[in-house]
PDB file of N, CA and C in Angstrom:
ATOM      1  N   MET A   1       0.662  -1.244  -0.029  1.00  0.00           N
ATOM      2  CA  MET A   1      -0.116   0.033  -0.150  1.00  0.00           C
ATOM      3  C   MET A   1       1.090   1.348  -0.074  1.00  0.00           C
ATOM      4  N   GLY A   2       2.030   1.345   0.762  1.00  0.00           N
ATOM      5  CA  GLY A   2       2.937   2.428   0.832  1.00  0.00           C
ATOM      6  C   GLY A   2       3.312   2.624  -0.374  1.00  0.00           C
ATOM      7  N   ILE A   3       3.991   1.529  -1.251  1.00  0.00           N
ATOM      8  CA  ILE A   3       4.587   1.853  -2.580  1.00  0.00           C
ATOM      9  C   ILE A   3       3.751   2.708  -3.666  1.00  0.00           C
ATOM     10  N   PHE A   4       2.279   2.098  -3.528  1.00  0.00           N
ATOM     11  CA  PHE A   4       1.402   2.698  -4.683  1.00  0.00           C
ATOM     12  C   PHE A   4       1.445   4.108  -3.834  1.00  0.00           C
ATOM     13  N   PHE A   5       1.206   4.496  -2.715  1.00  0.00           N
ATOM     14  CA  PHE A   5       0.841   5.756  -2.398  1.00  0.00           C
ATOM     15  C   PHE A   5       2.011   6.868  -2.750  1.00  0.00           C
ATOM     16  N   ALA A   6       3.331   6.216  -2.548  1.00  0.00           N
ATOM     17  CA  ALA A   6       4.388   7.076  -3.083  1.00  0.00           C
ATOM     18  C   ALA A   6       4.495   7.389  -4.192  1.00  0.00           C
ATOM     19  N   GLY A   7       4.213   6.526  -5.567  1.00  0.00           N
ATOM     20  CA  GLY A   7       4.108   6.646  -6.730  1.00  0.00           C
ATOM     21  C   GLY A   7       2.977   7.835  -7.015  1.00  0.00           C
ATOM     22  N   ARG A   8       1.736   7.559  -6.644  1.00  0.00           N
ATOM     23  CA  ARG A   8       0.710   8.457  -6.640  1.00  0.00           C
ATOM     24  C   ARG A   8       1.169   9.879  -6.279  1.00  0.00           C
ATOM     25  N   LEU A   9       1.801  10.177  -5.243  1.00  0.00           N
ATOM     26  CA  LEU A   9       2.254  11.515  -4.555  1.00  0.00           C
ATOM     27  C   LEU A   9       3.248  12.125  -5.451  1.00  0.00           C
ATOM     28  N   ARG A  10       4.013  11.330  -6.189  1.00  0.00           N
ATOM     29  CA  ARG A  10       5.111  11.643  -6.946  1.00  0.00           C
ATOM     30  C   ARG A  10       4.664  12.298  -8.116  1.00  0.00           C
ATOM     31  N   ASN A  11       3.441  11.611  -8.639  1.00  0.00           N
ATOM     32  CA  ASN A  11       2.667  12.151  -9.923  1.00  0.00           C
ATOM     33  C   ASN A  11       1.911  13.504  -9.535  1.00  0.00           C
ATOM     34  N   ILE A  12       1.207  13.455  -8.297  1.00  0.00           N
ATOM     35  CA  ILE A  12       0.672  14.644  -8.126  1.00  0.00           C
ATOM     36  C   ILE A  12       1.800  15.816  -7.921  1.00  0.00           C
ATOM     37  N   ILE A  13       2.694  15.565  -7.365  1.00  0.00           N
ATOM     38  CA  ILE A  13       3.602  16.441  -7.260  1.00  0.00           C
ATOM     39  C   ILE A  13       4.294  17.076  -8.440  1.00  0.00           C
ATOM     40  N   ILE A  14       4.563  16.351  -9.316  1.00  0.00           N
ATOM     41  CA  ILE A  14       5.038  16.505 -10.765  1.00  0.00           C
ATOM     42  C   ILE A  14       3.894  17.248 -11.492  1.00  0.00           C
ATOM     43  N   GLY A  15       2.686  16.986 -11.531  1.00  0.00           N
ATOM     44  CA  GLY A  15       1.579  17.420 -11.767  1.00  0.00           C
ATOM     45  C   GLY A  15       1.671  18.819 -11.403  1.00  0.00           C
ATOM     46  N   ILE A  16       1.510  19.060 -10.372  1.00  0.00           N
ATOM     47  CA  ILE A  16       1.396  20.386  -9.907  1.00  0.00           C
ATOM     48  C   ILE A  16       2.601  21.393 -10.455  1.00  0.00           C
ATOM     49  N   MET A  17       3.822  21.024 -10.290  1.00  0.00           N
ATOM     50  CA  MET A  17       4.977  21.662 -10.884  1.00  0.00           C
ATOM     51  C   MET A  17       4.704  22.087 -12.274  1.00  0.00           C
ATOM     52  N   ILE A  18       4.285  21.132 -13.154  1.00  0.00           N
ATOM     53  CA  ILE A  18       4.207  21.375 -14.398  1.00  0.00           C
ATOM     54  C   ILE A  18       2.872  22.319 -14.573  1.00  0.00           C
ATOM     55  N   GLY A  19       1.985  22.109 -13.840  1.00  0.00           N
ATOM     56  CA  GLY A  19       0.763  23.324 -13.888  1.00  0.00           C
ATOM     57  C   GLY A  19       1.401  24.705 -13.362  1.00  0.00           C
ATOM     58  N   LEU A  20       2.092  24.832 -12.409  1.00  0.00           N
ATOM     59  CA  LEU A  20       2.735  25.994 -12.103  1.00  0.00           C
ATOM     60  C   LEU A  20       3.339  26.750 -12.982  1.00  0.00           C
ATOM     61  N   LEU A  21       4.451  26.011 -13.572  1.00  0.00           N
ATOM     62  CA  LEU A  21       5.363  26.634 -14.607  1.00  0.00           C
ATOM     63  C   LEU A  21       4.535  26.995 -15.908  1.00  0.00           C
ATOM     64  N   LEU A  22       3.433  26.349 -16.346  1.00  0.00           N
ATOM     65  CA  LEU A  22       2.751  26.576 -17.563  1.00  0.00           C
ATOM     66  C   LEU A  22       1.666  27.812 -16.905  1.00  0.00           C
ATOM     67  N   GLY A  23       1.522  27.676 -15.713  1.00  0.00           N
ATOM     68  CA  GLY A  23       0.682  29.183 -15.199  1.00  0.00           C
ATOM     69  C   GLY A  23       1.299  30.224 -15.155  1.00  0.00           C
ATOM     70  N   LEU A  24       2.577  30.271 -14.822  1.00  0.00           N
ATOM     71  CA  LEU A  24       3.308  31.334 -14.894  1.00  0.00           C
ATOM     72  C   LEU A  24       3.808  31.599 -16.334  1.00  0.00           C
ATOM     73  N   TRP A  25       3.781  30.784 -17.009  1.00  0.00           N
ATOM     74  CA  TRP A  25       4.386  31.223 -18.526  1.00  0.00           C
ATOM     75  C   TRP A  25       3.154  32.078 -19.038  1.00  0.00           C
ATOM     76  N   ALA A  26       1.946  31.630 -18.844  1.00  0.00           N
ATOM     77  CA  ALA A  26       0.929  32.103 -19.441  1.00  0.00           C
ATOM     78  C   ALA A  26       0.371  33.301 -18.825  1.00  0.00           C
ATOM     79  N   GLY A  27       0.429  33.443 -17.462  1.00  0.00           N
ATOM     80  CA  GLY A  27       0.097  34.569 -17.012  1.00  0.00           C
ATOM     81  C   GLY A  27       1.284  35.882 -17.121  1.00  0.00           C
ATOM     82  N   TYR A  28       2.430  35.568 -17.301  1.00  0.00           N
ATOM     83  CA  TYR A  28       3.237  36.606 -17.563  1.00  0.00           C
ATOM     84  C   TYR A  28       2.999  36.959 -19.021  1.00  0.00           C
ATOM     85  N   ASN A  29       2.548  36.078 -19.840  1.00  0.00           N
ATOM     86  CA  ASN A  29       2.465  36.741 -21.397  1.00  0.00           C
ATOM     87  C   ASN A  29       1.309  37.340 -21.327  1.00  0.00           C
ATOM     88  N   LEU A  30       0.165  37.100 -20.435  1.00  0.00           N
ATOM     89  CA  LEU A  30      -1.208  37.661 -20.372  1.00  0.00           C
ATOM     90  C   LEU A  30      -1.017  39.105 -19.835  1.00  0.00           C
ATOM     91  N   GLY A  31       0.096  39.378 -19.007  1.00  0.00           N
ATOM     92  CA  GLY A  31       0.201  40.446 -18.352  1.00  0.00           C
ATOM     93  C   GLY A  31       1.046  41.720 -19.116  1.00  0.00           C
ATOM     94  N   LYS A  32       2.028  41.201 -20.157  1.00  0.00           N
ATOM     95  CA  LYS A  32       2.431  41.809 -21.119  1.00  0.00           C
ATOM     96  C   LYS A  32       1.484  42.144 -22.459  1.00  0.00           C
ATOM     97  N   GLY A  33       0.211  41.529 -22.317  1.00  0.00           N
ATOM     98  CA  GLY A  33      -0.376  41.587 -23.690  1.00  0.00           C
ATOM     99  C   GLY A  33       0.009  40.853 -24.764  1.00  0.00           C
ATOM    100  N   LYS A  34       0.611  39.891 -24.745  1.00  0.00           N
ATOM    101  CA  LYS A  34       1.349  38.966 -25.642  1.00  0.00           C
ATOM    102  C   LYS A  34       0.252  37.641 -25.709  1.00  0.00           C
ATOM    103  N   PRO A  35       0.501  37.167 -27.008  1.00  0.00           N
ATOM    104  CA  PRO A  35      -0.361  35.691 -27.079  1.00  0.00           C
ATOM    105  C   PRO A  35       0.038  34.938 -25.794  1.00  0.00           C
ATOM    106  N   VAL A  36      -0.974  34.199 -25.375  1.00  0.00           N
ATOM    107  CA  VAL A  36      -0.781  33.259 -23.938  1.00  0.00           C
ATOM    108  C   VAL A  36       0.486  32.209 -24.055  1.00  0.00           C
ATOM    109  N   PHE A  37       0.636  31.576 -25.402  1.00  0.00           N
ATOM    110  CA  PHE A  37       1.711  30.498 -25.276  1.00  0.00           C
ATOM    111  C   PHE A  37       2.860  30.986 -25.967  1.00  0.00           C
ATOM    112  N   SER A  38       2.978  32.455 -26.546  1.00  0.00           N
ATOM    113  CA  SER A  38       4.357  32.643 -27.029  1.00  0.00           C
ATOM    114  C   SER A  38       5.430  32.598 -26.235  1.00  0.00           C
ATOM    115  N   ASN A  39       6.611  33.027 -26.518  1.00  0.00           N
ATOM    116  CA  ASN A  39       7.825  32.741 -25.538  1.00  0.00           C
ATOM    117  C   ASN A  39       8.046  33.778 -24.997  1.00  0.00           C
ATOM    118  N   PRO A  40       7.965  33.932 -23.399  1.00  0.00           N
ATOM    119  CA  PRO A  40       7.853  35.123 -22.661  1.00  0.00           C
ATOM    120  C   PRO A  40       9.570  35.767 -22.452  1.00  0.00           C
ATOM    121  N   LEU A  41      10.439  34.983 -23.096  1.00  0.00           N
ATOM    122  CA  LEU A  41      11.934  35.441 -22.879  1.00  0.00           C
ATOM    123  C   LEU A  41      12.303  36.098 -24.168  1.00  0.00           C
ATOM    124  N   ALA A  42      11.324  36.146 -25.289  1.00  0.00           N
ATOM    125  CA  ALA A  42      11.776  36.796 -26.458  1.00  0.00           C
ATOM    126  C   ALA A  42      11.761  38.207 -26.479  1.00  0.00           C
ATOM    127  N   ARG A  43      12.882  38.756 -27.098  1.00  0.00           N
ATOM    128  CA  ARG A  43      12.808  40.389 -27.234  1.00  0.00           C
ATOM    129  C   ARG A  43      11.786  40.746 -28.001  1.00  0.00           C
ATOM    130  N   GLU A  44      11.293  41.984 -27.852  1.00  0.00           N
ATOM    131  CA  GLU A  44      10.604  42.657 -29.050  1.00  0.00           C
ATOM    132  C   GLU A  44      11.248  43.176 -29.807  1.00  0.00           C
ATOM    133  N   THR A  45      11.006  43.185 -31.159  1.00  0.00           N
ATOM    134  CA  THR A  45      11.734  43.937 -32.030  1.00  0.00           C
ATOM    135  C   THR A  45      11.338  44.786 -32.166  1.00  0.00           C
ATOM    136  N   ILE A  46      12.450  45.908 -32.868  1.00  0.00           N
ATOM    137  CA  ILE A  46      12.207  47.446 -33.018  1.00  0.00           C
ATOM    138  C   ILE A  46      11.015  47.709 -33.957  1.00  0.00           C
ATOM    139  N   GLN A  47      11.222  46.827 -34.877  1.00  0.00           N
ATOM    140  CA  GLN A  47       9.898  46.927 -35.932  1.00  0.00           C
ATOM    141  C   GLN A  47       8.444  46.697 -35.206  1.00  0.00           C
ATOM    142  N   ASN A  48       8.246  45.685 -34.302  1.00  0.00           N
ATOM    143  CA  ASN A  48       6.987  45.826 -33.689  1.00  0.00           C
ATOM    144  C   ASN A  48       6.817  46.852 -32.595  1.00  0.00           C
ATOM    145  N   ARG A  49       7.962  47.154 -31.925  1.00  0.00           N
ATOM    146  CA  ARG A  49       7.933  48.493 -31.214  1.00  0.00           C
ATOM    147  C   ARG A  49       7.278  49.589 -32.004  1.00  0.00           C
ATOM    148  N   ILE A  50       7.830  49.939 -33.135  1.00  0.00           N
ATOM    149  CA  ILE A  50       7.747  51.143 -33.919  1.00  0.00           C
ATOM    150  C   ILE A  50       6.240  51.086 -34.148  1.00  0.00           C
ATOM    151  N   LYS A  51       5.777  49.914 -34.481  1.00  0.00           N
ATOM    152  CA  LYS A  51       4.405  49.645 -35.159  1.00  0.00           C
ATOM    153  C   LYS A  51       3.529  49.985 -34.049  1.00  0.00           C
ATOM    154  N   LYS A  52       3.608  49.371 -32.752  1.00  0.00           N
ATOM    155  CA  LYS A  52       2.779  49.504 -31.913  1.00  0.00           C
ATOM    156  C   LYS A  52       2.878  51.123 -31.349  1.00  0.00           C
ATOM    157  N   THR A  53       3.748  51.541 -31.390  1.00  0.00           N
ATOM    158  CA  THR A  53       3.778  53.271 -30.997  1.00  0.00           C
ATOM    159  C   THR A  53       2.951  53.870 -32.065  1.00  0.00           C
ATOM    160  N   GLY A  54       3.177  53.569 -33.606  1.00  0.00           N
ATOM    161  CA  GLY A  54       2.496  54.324 -34.346  1.00  0.00           C
ATOM    162  C   GLY A  54       0.821  53.882 -34.378  1.00  0.00           C
ATOM    163  N   ASP A  55       0.604  52.795 -33.914  1.00  0.00           N
ATOM    164  CA  ASP A  55      -0.670  52.609 -33.663  1.00  0.00           C
ATOM    165  C   ASP A  55      -1.197  53.278 -32.528  1.00  0.00           C
ATOM    166  N   GLN A  56      -0.593  53.387 -31.231  1.00  0.00           N
ATOM    167  CA  GLN A  56      -1.123  54.314 -30.477  1.00  0.00           C
ATOM    168  C   GLN A  56      -1.177  55.605 -30.648  1.00  0.00           C
ATOM    169  N   ALA A  57      -0.359  56.044 -31.688  1.00  0.00           N
ATOM    170  CA  ALA A  57      -0.535  57.393 -31.948  1.00  0.00           C
ATOM    171  C   ALA A  57      -1.910  57.749 -32.963  1.00  0.00           C
ATOM    172  N   MET A  58      -1.861  56.636 -33.761  1.00  0.00           N
ATOM    173  CA  MET A  58      -3.032  57.061 -34.599  1.00  0.00           C
ATOM    174  C   MET A  58      -4.262  56.923 -33.944  1.00  0.00           C
ATOM    175  N   GLU A  59      -4.480  55.935 -32.909  1.00  0.00           N
ATOM    176  CA  GLU A  59      -5.523  55.946 -31.894  1.00  0.00           C
ATOM    177  C   GLU A  59      -5.781  57.103 -31.203  1.00  0.00           C
ATOM    178  N   LYS A  60      -4.664  57.762 -30.504  1.00  0.00           N
ATOM    179  CA  LYS A  60      -4.978  58.945 -29.866  1.00  0.00           C
ATOM    180  C   LYS A  60      -5.266  60.210 -30.643  1.00  0.00           C
ATOM    181  N   SER A  61      -4.665  60.286 -31.846  1.00  0.00           N
ATOM    182  CA  SER A  61      -5.098  61.447 -32.764  1.00  0.00           C
ATOM    183  C   SER A  61      -6.470  61.188 -33.277  1.00  0.00           C
ATOM    184  N   GLY A  62      -6.998  60.113 -33.566  1.00  0.00           N
ATOM    185  CA  GLY A  62      -8.177  59.998 -33.989  1.00  0.00           C
ATOM    186  C   GLY A  62      -9.222  60.476 -32.784  1.00  0.00           C
ATOM    187  N   LYS A  63      -9.043  59.940 -31.515  1.00  0.00           N
ATOM    188  CA  LYS A  63      -9.690  60.483 -30.586  1.00  0.00           C
ATOM    189  C   LYS A  63      -9.787  61.957 -30.295  1.00  0.00           C
ATOM    190  N   ILE A  64      -8.778  62.536 -30.463  1.00  0.00           N
ATOM    191  CA  ILE A  64      -8.704  64.132 -30.472  1.00  0.00           C
ATOM    192  C   ILE A  64      -9.158  64.305 -31.704  1.00  0.00           C
ATOM    193  N   LEU A  65      -9.405  64.120 -32.878  1.00  0.00           N
ATOM    194  CA  LEU A  65     -10.079  64.678 -34.033  1.00  0.00           C
ATOM    195  C   LEU A  65     -11.563  64.535 -33.620  1.00  0.00           C
ATOM    196  N   GLU A  66     -11.945  63.338 -33.073  1.00  0.00           N
ATOM    197  CA  GLU A  66     -13.322  63.217 -32.854  1.00  0.00           C
ATOM    198  C   GLU A  66     -13.910  64.380 -31.725  1.00  0.00           C
ATOM    199  N   GLU A  67     -12.910  64.442 -30.864  1.00  0.00           N
ATOM    200  CA  GLU A  67     -13.279  65.317 -29.659  1.00  0.00           C
ATOM    201  C   GLU A  67     -13.376  66.833 -30.223  1.00  0.00           C
ATOM    202  N   SER A  68     -12.235  67.248 -31.037  1.00  0.00           N
ATOM    203  CA  SER A  68     -12.718  68.578 -31.765  1.00  0.00           C
ATOM    204  C   SER A  68     -13.605  68.440 -32.616  1.00  0.00           C
ATOM    205  N   GLY A  69     -13.946  67.731 -33.522  1.00  0.00           N
ATOM    206  CA  GLY A  69     -15.405  67.780 -34.198  1.00  0.00           C
ATOM    207  C   GLY A  69     -16.797  67.971 -33.659  1.00  0.00           C
ATOM    208  N   LYS A  70     -16.526  67.219 -32.355  1.00  0.00           N
ATOM    209  CA  LYS A  70     -17.557  67.494 -31.351  1.00  0.00           C
ATOM    210  C   LYS A  70     -18.016  68.963 -31.162  1.00  0.00           C
ATOM    211  N   ALA A  71     -16.460  69.446 -30.565  1.00  0.00           N
ATOM    212  CA  ALA A  71     -16.658  70.755 -29.934  1.00  0.00           C
ATOM    213  C   ALA A  71     -17.040  71.793 -31.151  1.00  0.00           C
ATOM    214  N   MET A  72     -16.299  71.474 -32.218  1.00  0.00           N
ATOM    215  CA  MET A  72     -16.915  72.449 -33.414  1.00  0.00           C
ATOM    216  C   MET A  72     -18.442  72.414 -33.640  1.00  0.00           C
ATOM    217  N   ARG A  73     -19.080  71.169 -33.772  1.00  0.00           N
ATOM    218  CA  ARG A  73     -20.519  71.202 -33.930  1.00  0.00           C
ATOM    219  C   ARG A  73     -21.050  71.606 -32.538  1.00  0.00           C
ATOM    220  N   ASP A  74     -20.865  71.370 -31.362  1.00  0.00           N
ATOM    221  CA  ASP A  74     -21.280  72.222 -30.356  1.00  0.00           C
ATOM    222  C   ASP A  74     -21.412  73.564 -30.867  1.00  0.00           C
ATOM    223  N   ALA A  75     -20.130  74.320 -30.998  1.00  0.00           N
ATOM    224  CA  ALA A  75     -20.072  75.739 -30.977  1.00  0.00           C
ATOM    225  C   ALA A  75     -21.008  76.073 -32.474  1.00  0.00           C
ATOM    226  N   VAL A  76     -21.190  75.282 -33.423  1.00  0.00           N
ATOM    227  CA  VAL A  76     -21.826  75.880 -34.400  1.00  0.00           C
ATOM    228  C   VAL A  76     -23.283  75.582 -33.957  1.00  0.00           C
ATOM    229  N   SER A  77     -23.933  74.684 -33.356  1.00  0.00           N
ATOM    230  CA  SER A  77     -25.301  74.521 -33.106  1.00  0.00           C
ATOM    231  C   SER A  77     -25.585  75.479 -31.848  1.00  0.00           C
ATOM    232  N   GLY A  78     -24.558  75.985 -31.179  1.00  0.00           N
ATOM    233  CA  GLY A  78     -24.964  77.035 -30.107  1.00  0.00           C
ATOM    234  C   GLY A  78     -25.194  76.091 -28.904  1.00  0.00           C
ATOM    235  N   ARG A  79     -24.405  75.152 -28.594  1.00  0.00           N
ATOM    236  CA  ARG A  79     -24.545  74.499 -27.370  1.00  0.00           C
ATOM    237  C   ARG A  79     -23.730  74.987 -26.228  1.00  0.00           C
TER     238      ARG A  79
END
């Protein structure tokens, strides 16, 4: 009975360790906004950083244009 328990306990501990490692890997990637099972140690290329920065700038400028358009409509309509 004791031999079977030791084997099961070893399997449970190994399963917990593997689950913990996969959970840390996926959690780190989610925190960084990357795909869940991508390589967390891979460096982001300069091209990807430039693209991300450009996308953020386009999004911000779009919001600013929307706000200024709304302000102009409100000014013209007399609000």
